[in-house]
Every structure is written in C-alpha cells, then in structure tokens.
Amino acid sequence: MKNPAPDKKQHILNAAEQLFAQNGYDSTSTREIAETAEVNAAMIAYYFGSKENLLKAIIERYGEQALALLRDEYDAGLPPDDRLKKLTSAYLEYAFSRPGPIVIAHREVGIRLRPDMHESIQAIFTEIRDMIQTCINEGVASGIFRNVNLPLFMFVVAGMYDHIVNQLHVLANLNIDGSVYGLPGTDTLQARRQIEEILWDLTESYLKKH
C-alpha cells in the first residue's frame, strides 16, 4: 500500500500557505490549518514541530520548486539576453500561479524566522541569483549588456517583480476590481503576458542603456 504520509504533509503545507497568505500568520491558528487540511492538529506538530517551522517549510518549498523550474528553463546555448528573458518569464508565470509564498514572505519572513532559518532559505535562493548573474555577466562580457552595479540591480529588479505579484494578489484578496484603475488581473494568459512584457522591457532597457 502506498504510504500516504507525503500527501498529508503537502496538504498541511497547502492549507497553511493559503491561510497565511489570506489571513496572516498571527491570525491563523494551527487548529484552522488542521481543519483546512483535514488532518489532526497533532499531525502538524509531528511533521513540523511548530508554526514557525511550518512558515519556513512553505518558503523553502516555494524556493525549491522555483529553482527546479529555472534549472529546466536554463539554456546555456541561448544568447545571454534571450536566456535571461526566458528565466524571468518562467519565474513570473510560476509566481502568478503561486502568489501565496511571495505574499507571506513580504509580510512575515523578515520578522518571524530565526537567523538559522534565514540561512537555510537563503541557500536555496542563492542558486537562483547565481543563474541570473551568470546571464548578466556573460551579457556584459559579450557587449550585449552594459556594466551595472549587479548586486543593486538584482535587489531592485527582484523587488519590483515580487512587489507586482504581491500587490495584484492583495487587490484580488480584497475583492478590488483592478480594471477600475486600468490594471489587469492575473487570471488570463493575456493579462500575464502584458505584465511580463512591461517588466522585461524595463529590465532589458536598463541593462542595454548606453
């Protein structure tokens, strides 16, 4: 018989991700998570030990899945600018389909997790950062991109991309019709492509500015 344990663990993570993003960490109890996941509350303690560990596991899972996706999309045979565009497009598509962890990270991670937990999460995102930096460095070396302050550029661009995903999720969660302000939602492929195009144009124009 197949061991159901991994499925139960994922159900708990999915429930916690949904509730933390919707209601906030402090406003979500382990009992609510257990009810949403349809498990016994003791099972949460068994798998994760604490609510803080559950928060860490949500961010780690998101990072690991994003990393796996970007590894699959990374094509060293492409020119650096095309490779970078492919990576940013893949990340945005994934983020639009799974905005919860970004919302949670914006709101909770900086104040909730101990330094040792930050180190664990940072290790996952370091490889993602390195893939992006490799594209940019190769673009600079080949003359496609200009030389930029890479750490600052990465900080600003990553913040811009994640902020867009976070804000659109907040509008949707508050049942605010973004179209009133001329804003697209993220529920259609066309709307997502519009957002991706704007973000990529901003990114590319800065890197290629002379």
Protein backbone atom coordinates (compact mmCIF):
# COMPACT_ATOMS: atom_id res chain seq x y z
CA MET A 1 0.00 0.00 0.00
CA LYS A 2 1.27 3.48 -0.85
CA ASN A 3 2.43 5.49 2.14
CA PRO A 4 0.02 8.47 2.47
CA ALA A 5 2.39 10.47 4.70
CA PRO A 6 3.89 12.69 1.96
CA ASP A 7 0.41 13.63 0.75
CA LYS A 8 -0.67 14.56 4.27
CA LYS A 9 2.41 16.72 4.69
CA GLN A 10 1.73 18.52 1.41
CA HIS A 11 -1.92 19.02 2.36
CA ILE A 12 -0.78 20.71 5.56
CA LEU A 13 1.65 22.95 3.66
CA ASN A 14 -1.02 23.85 1.10
CA ALA A 15 -3.52 24.72 3.81
CA ALA A 16 -1.03 26.80 5.78
CA GLU A 17 0.11 28.62 2.64
CA GLN A 18 -3.47 29.51 1.77
CA LEU A 19 -4.37 30.69 5.27
CA PHE A 20 -1.13 32.58 5.98
CA ALA A 21 -1.47 34.45 2.67
CA GLN A 22 -5.15 35.20 3.20
CA ASN A 23 -5.32 35.96 6.93
CA GLY A 24 -1.75 36.48 8.09
CA TYR A 25 0.50 34.38 10.29
CA ASP A 26 -0.72 35.70 13.66
CA SER A 27 -4.39 35.39 12.70
CA THR A 28 -4.05 31.75 11.66
CA SER A 29 -4.13 29.01 14.28
CA THR A 30 -2.78 25.50 13.91
CA ARG A 31 -6.32 24.29 14.54
CA GLU A 32 -7.55 26.22 11.47
CA ILE A 33 -4.71 24.77 9.42
CA ALA A 34 -5.60 21.27 10.59
CA GLU A 35 -9.27 21.78 9.73
CA THR A 36 -8.47 23.10 6.26
CA ALA A 37 -6.01 20.27 5.61
CA GLU A 38 -8.46 17.76 7.11
CA VAL A 39 -5.86 16.33 9.48
CA ASN A 40 -5.47 16.04 13.23
CA ALA A 41 -3.70 19.01 14.82
CA ALA A 42 -1.18 16.61 16.33
CA MET A 43 -0.05 15.74 12.80
CA ILE A 44 1.15 19.32 12.28
CA ALA A 45 3.32 19.05 15.37
CA TYR A 46 4.58 15.65 14.20
CA TYR A 47 5.70 16.87 10.78
CA PHE A 48 6.77 20.44 11.56
CA GLY A 49 7.11 20.85 15.31
CA SER A 50 5.91 24.45 15.36
CA LYS A 51 4.05 27.05 13.34
CA GLU A 52 7.34 28.85 12.72
CA ASN A 53 8.81 25.71 11.17
CA LEU A 54 5.71 25.46 9.00
CA LEU A 55 6.29 29.00 7.76
CA LYS A 56 9.88 28.12 6.93
CA ALA A 57 8.80 24.98 5.09
CA ILE A 58 6.38 26.98 2.91
CA ILE A 59 9.11 29.37 1.77
CA GLU A 60 11.60 26.55 1.29
CA ARG A 61 9.15 24.57 -0.83
CA TYR A 62 8.45 27.60 -3.00
CA GLY A 63 12.16 28.26 -3.48
CA GLU A 64 12.93 24.63 -4.28
CA GLN A 65 10.12 24.42 -6.84
CA ALA A 66 11.10 27.73 -8.44
CA LEU A 67 14.72 26.59 -8.58
CA ALA A 68 13.77 23.29 -10.22
CA LEU A 69 11.71 25.17 -12.81
CA LEU A 70 14.50 27.60 -13.62
CA ARG A 71 17.04 24.79 -13.91
CA ASP A 72 14.80 23.20 -16.53
CA GLU A 73 14.40 26.51 -18.38
CA TYR A 74 18.10 27.44 -18.26
CA ASP A 75 19.57 27.02 -21.73
CA ALA A 76 23.28 27.82 -21.87
CA GLY A 77 23.11 27.66 -25.67
CA LEU A 78 20.93 30.78 -25.89
CA PRO A 79 22.37 34.31 -26.06
CA PRO A 80 22.51 35.88 -22.57
CA ASP A 81 19.61 38.28 -23.18
CA ASP A 82 17.32 35.57 -24.55
CA ARG A 83 18.31 33.26 -21.71
CA LEU A 84 17.59 35.94 -19.11
CA LYS A 85 14.22 36.73 -20.68
CA LYS A 86 13.30 33.05 -20.64
CA LEU A 87 14.20 32.77 -16.95
CA THR A 88 12.30 35.89 -15.88
CA SER A 89 9.24 34.85 -17.90
CA ALA A 90 9.26 31.37 -16.35
CA TYR A 91 9.62 32.79 -12.85
CA LEU A 92 6.81 35.30 -13.29
CA GLU A 93 4.48 32.66 -14.71
CA TYR A 94 5.21 30.47 -11.69
CA ALA A 95 4.83 33.38 -9.26
CA PHE A 96 1.48 34.40 -10.76
CA SER A 97 0.20 30.86 -10.35
CA ARG A 98 1.53 30.61 -6.77
CA PRO A 99 1.48 34.13 -5.25
CA GLY A 100 0.89 32.92 -1.68
CA PRO A 101 4.53 32.39 -0.65
CA ILE A 102 5.54 35.81 -2.02
CA VAL A 103 2.74 37.48 -0.06
CA ILE A 104 3.79 35.58 3.05
CA ALA A 105 7.47 36.40 2.57
CA HIS A 106 6.74 40.12 2.16
CA ARG A 107 4.69 40.20 5.32
CA GLU A 108 6.20 37.67 7.68
CA VAL A 109 9.64 36.26 6.94
CA GLY A 110 11.74 39.24 7.98
CA ILE A 111 10.25 39.35 11.46
CA ARG A 112 9.33 35.72 12.13
CA LEU A 113 12.27 33.50 11.34
CA ARG A 114 15.39 32.93 13.38
CA PRO A 115 18.80 33.64 11.73
CA ASP A 116 19.50 29.93 11.23
CA MET A 117 16.22 29.59 9.34
CA HIS A 118 17.12 32.55 7.14
CA GLU A 119 20.39 30.83 6.24
CA SER A 120 18.57 27.69 5.15
CA ILE A 121 16.19 29.64 2.92
CA GLN A 122 18.97 31.86 1.57
CA ALA A 123 20.92 28.83 0.37
CA ILE A 124 18.04 27.90 -1.95
CA PHE A 125 17.69 31.35 -3.46
CA THR A 126 21.44 31.80 -3.90
CA GLU A 127 21.46 29.39 -6.84
CA ILE A 128 18.60 31.27 -8.48
CA ARG A 129 20.52 34.52 -8.06
CA ASP A 130 23.66 32.92 -9.47
CA MET A 131 21.84 31.81 -12.64
CA ILE A 132 20.61 35.36 -13.22
CA GLN A 133 24.03 36.82 -12.51
CA THR A 134 25.68 34.43 -14.95
CA CYS A 135 23.36 35.62 -17.72
CA ILE A 136 24.12 39.26 -16.95
CA ASN A 137 27.88 38.75 -16.60
CA GLU A 138 28.02 36.91 -19.93
CA GLY A 139 25.93 39.66 -21.50
CA VAL A 140 28.35 42.29 -20.22
CA ALA A 141 31.36 40.30 -21.45
CA SER A 142 29.85 39.94 -24.93
CA GLY A 143 28.80 43.59 -25.17
CA ILE A 144 25.06 42.88 -25.12
CA PHE A 145 24.60 44.45 -21.68
CA ARG A 146 26.37 47.39 -20.15
CA ASN A 147 28.31 47.07 -16.92
CA VAL A 148 26.00 47.68 -13.95
CA ASN A 149 26.12 47.51 -10.18
CA LEU A 150 24.98 43.90 -10.19
CA PRO A 151 24.03 43.43 -6.50
CA LEU A 152 21.99 46.65 -6.54
CA PHE A 153 20.39 45.78 -9.89
CA MET A 154 19.41 42.32 -8.64
CA PHE A 155 17.96 43.80 -5.45
CA VAL A 156 15.86 46.39 -7.29
CA VAL A 157 14.62 44.11 -10.07
CA ALA A 158 13.77 41.17 -7.78
CA GLY A 159 11.88 43.56 -5.52
CA MET A 160 9.99 45.02 -8.49
CA TYR A 161 8.93 41.62 -9.82
CA ASP A 162 7.83 40.25 -6.45
CA HIS A 163 6.10 43.50 -5.48
CA ILE A 164 3.92 43.38 -8.60
CA VAL A 165 2.86 39.80 -7.83
CA ASN A 166 2.20 40.70 -4.20
CA GLN A 167 0.14 43.80 -4.94
CA LEU A 168 -2.05 42.12 -7.55
CA HIS A 169 -2.74 39.31 -5.09
CA VAL A 170 -3.65 41.84 -2.38
CA LEU A 171 -6.12 43.57 -4.72
CA ALA A 172 -7.71 40.24 -5.61
CA ASN A 173 -7.87 39.17 -1.96
CA LEU A 174 -9.65 42.42 -1.08
CA ASN A 175 -12.07 41.93 -3.99
CA ILE A 176 -10.89 45.20 -5.53
CA ASP A 177 -11.50 45.39 -9.25
CA GLY A 178 -8.16 46.47 -10.63
CA SER A 179 -9.70 47.20 -14.02
CA VAL A 180 -11.25 50.33 -12.50
CA TYR A 181 -7.71 51.68 -12.29
CA GLY A 182 -6.71 50.24 -15.65
CA LEU A 183 -4.90 47.31 -14.05
CA PRO A 184 -5.07 43.80 -15.48
CA GLY A 185 -5.68 40.79 -13.31
CA THR A 186 -3.51 37.72 -13.48
CA ASP A 187 -6.28 35.26 -14.23
CA THR A 188 -5.78 35.29 -18.00
CA LEU A 189 -2.73 34.48 -20.09
CA GLN A 190 -3.10 37.74 -22.00
CA ALA A 191 -3.02 39.82 -18.80
CA ARG A 192 0.03 37.96 -17.51
CA ARG A 193 1.82 38.48 -20.81
CA GLN A 194 1.16 42.23 -20.64
CA ILE A 195 2.73 42.43 -17.19
CA GLU A 196 5.67 40.25 -18.22
CA GLU A 197 6.28 42.43 -21.27
CA ILE A 198 6.38 45.64 -19.24
CA LEU A 199 8.68 44.20 -16.59
CA TRP A 200 11.01 42.69 -19.18
CA ASP A 201 11.13 45.94 -21.20
CA LEU A 202 12.14 47.83 -18.04
CA THR A 203 14.77 45.22 -17.20
CA GLU A 204 16.19 45.00 -20.71
CA SER A 205 16.21 48.75 -21.36
CA TYR A 206 18.25 49.35 -18.20
CA LEU A 207 20.75 46.60 -19.00
CA LYS A 208 21.16 47.78 -22.60
CA LYS A 209 21.14 51.52 -21.89
CA HIS A 210 24.26 53.23 -23.24
